[in-house]
Protein backbone atom coordinates (compact mmCIF):
# COMPACT_ATOMS: atom_id res chain seq x y z
CA UNK A 1 143.53 249.59 117.65
CA UNK A 2 145.87 250.54 120.44
CA UNK A 3 145.98 253.87 121.14
CA UNK A 4 148.24 255.68 124.03
CA UNK A 5 147.42 259.67 125.15
CA UNK A 6 149.86 260.88 127.34
CA UNK A 7 148.77 264.48 129.31
CA UNK A 8 150.11 265.99 132.34
CA UNK A 9 153.52 268.20 130.92
CA UNK A 10 154.22 271.88 130.92
CA UNK A 11 156.28 274.65 131.62
CA UNK A 12 157.75 274.82 135.25
CA UNK A 13 160.74 276.32 137.12
CA UNK A 14 163.45 274.32 138.47
CA UNK A 15 162.88 272.05 141.26
CA UNK A 16 159.08 272.07 140.99
CA UNK A 17 157.00 269.24 140.14
CA UNK A 18 154.88 267.40 137.66
CA UNK A 19 152.87 264.50 136.78
CA UNK A 20 152.92 262.73 133.29
CA UNK A 21 149.52 260.47 132.84
CA UNK A 22 149.03 258.05 130.13
CA UNK A 23 146.16 256.46 129.47
CA UNK A 24 146.13 253.33 127.19
CA UNK A 25 143.19 252.06 124.88
CA UNK A 26 141.75 249.60 122.42
CA UNK A 27 142.23 245.94 124.37
CA UNK A 28 141.08 245.89 127.37
CA UNK A 29 141.38 244.23 129.89
CA UNK A 30 145.01 244.10 128.82
CA UNK A 31 147.75 244.87 131.24
CA UNK A 32 151.01 245.56 129.41
CA UNK A 33 154.36 246.76 130.79
CA UNK A 34 154.41 250.40 130.74
CA UNK A 35 157.82 252.48 129.70
CA UNK A 36 158.39 256.36 129.97
CA UNK A 37 160.94 257.88 127.47
CA UNK A 38 162.37 261.12 126.97
CA UNK A 39 163.77 263.01 123.81
CA UNK A 40 165.62 266.26 123.72
CA UNK A 41 166.08 268.73 120.75
CA UNK A 42 168.62 266.98 118.91
CA UNK A 43 169.12 263.47 120.77
CA UNK A 44 167.51 260.24 120.87
CA UNK A 45 164.71 259.18 122.47
CA UNK A 46 166.23 258.16 126.33
CA UNK A 47 164.74 255.12 129.00
CA UNK A 48 163.30 256.90 131.52
CA UNK A 49 161.26 254.68 133.93
CA UNK A 50 159.20 251.22 133.43
CA UNK A 51 156.98 249.52 135.28
CA UNK A 52 156.36 245.44 135.03
CA UNK A 53 152.95 243.92 133.85
CA UNK A 54 151.90 243.25 137.63
CA UNK A 55 153.22 246.45 139.10
CA UNK A 56 155.43 244.58 141.31
CA UNK A 57 158.82 246.19 139.39
CA UNK A 58 160.14 249.86 138.73
CA UNK A 59 162.81 250.22 136.80
CA UNK A 60 164.52 254.22 136.51
CA UNK A 61 167.28 255.88 134.67
CA UNK A 62 170.08 256.72 136.87
CA UNK A 63 169.93 260.62 136.23
CA UNK A 64 166.20 260.57 137.57
CA UNK A 65 166.13 257.58 140.07
CA UNK A 66 165.10 258.83 143.50
CA UNK A 67 163.20 262.26 141.93
CA UNK A 68 160.49 260.35 139.74
CA UNK A 69 158.04 257.94 140.75
CA UNK A 70 156.32 255.37 138.10
CA UNK A 71 152.71 253.81 138.91
CA UNK A 72 149.73 252.44 137.25
CA UNK A 73 145.78 252.19 138.10
CA UNK A 74 145.06 249.07 135.67
CA UNK A 75 141.36 249.88 136.97
CA UNK A 76 141.45 253.37 134.70
CA UNK A 77 144.07 251.63 132.34
CA UNK A 78 146.58 255.09 133.27
CA UNK A 79 150.33 255.11 133.84
CA UNK A 80 151.97 258.02 135.90
CA UNK A 81 155.06 259.96 136.01
CA UNK A 82 155.72 261.87 139.29
CA UNK A 83 158.38 263.97 138.42
CA UNK A 84 160.22 265.91 141.44
CA UNK A 85 162.70 268.21 141.66
CA UNK A 86 162.73 268.98 137.91
CA UNK A 87 165.96 270.15 136.02
CA UNK A 88 166.48 271.82 133.52
CA UNK A 89 168.38 268.69 132.27
CA UNK A 90 165.25 267.03 132.36
CA UNK A 91 163.18 269.14 129.75
CA UNK A 92 162.02 266.96 126.63
CA UNK A 93 159.34 265.42 125.41
CA UNK A 94 158.05 262.67 127.49
CA UNK A 95 156.64 259.45 125.76
CA UNK A 96 154.66 256.58 126.91
CA UNK A 97 155.17 253.25 125.59
CA UNK A 98 153.44 249.96 126.17
CA UNK A 99 154.63 246.52 125.76
CA UNK A 100 152.44 243.70 125.42
CA UNK A 101 154.78 240.97 123.44
CA UNK A 102 158.03 241.96 124.34
CA UNK A 103 160.57 239.42 126.32
CA UNK A 104 160.57 240.28 129.62
CA UNK A 105 164.06 242.81 131.10
CA UNK A 106 163.89 244.30 128.26
CA UNK A 107 162.08 247.36 129.47
CA UNK A 108 164.99 250.20 128.81
CA UNK A 109 164.94 249.47 125.25
CA UNK A 110 162.49 251.67 123.21
CA UNK A 111 162.50 249.04 120.28
CA UNK A 112 160.69 246.32 122.64
CA UNK A 113 157.69 248.62 122.95
CA UNK A 114 154.71 247.80 120.51
CA UNK A 115 153.05 251.17 120.92
CA UNK A 116 153.83 255.07 121.60
CA UNK A 117 151.90 257.90 122.53
CA UNK A 118 152.14 261.15 120.78
CA UNK A 119 154.23 262.86 122.96
CA UNK A 120 154.14 265.78 125.87
CA UNK A 121 156.33 268.59 126.57
CA UNK A 122 157.95 269.20 129.56
CA UNK A 123 159.82 272.34 129.83
CA UNK A 124 162.06 273.04 132.99
CA UNK A 125 163.30 277.12 133.24
CA UNK A 126 166.55 277.91 135.74
């Protein structure tokens, strides 16, 4: 059974930084494509960033480009989301997803992910 566990959320002020982590387990030796999405109250789950299984390519939503960085450490089965210059509009529950079988190039589509974590709350005050 694949499990994803996010951590690192919290309450910060505008301009601060946070680093989210997502550890995946249950499929030893696997290297799924990984993505971060976020969901604010009353809104849909939106794409934030994704990284390919090889780590060679990363993709970002326009709203976070140049502020957020996604990376992976396969030795630790962990994907990170470094968030700098946080804004109040970044406030949301952040979820990581793992894509084992989805077709390549579908990283921005939440429906293409096979497993999800429970989410971690990020709150940015102005």
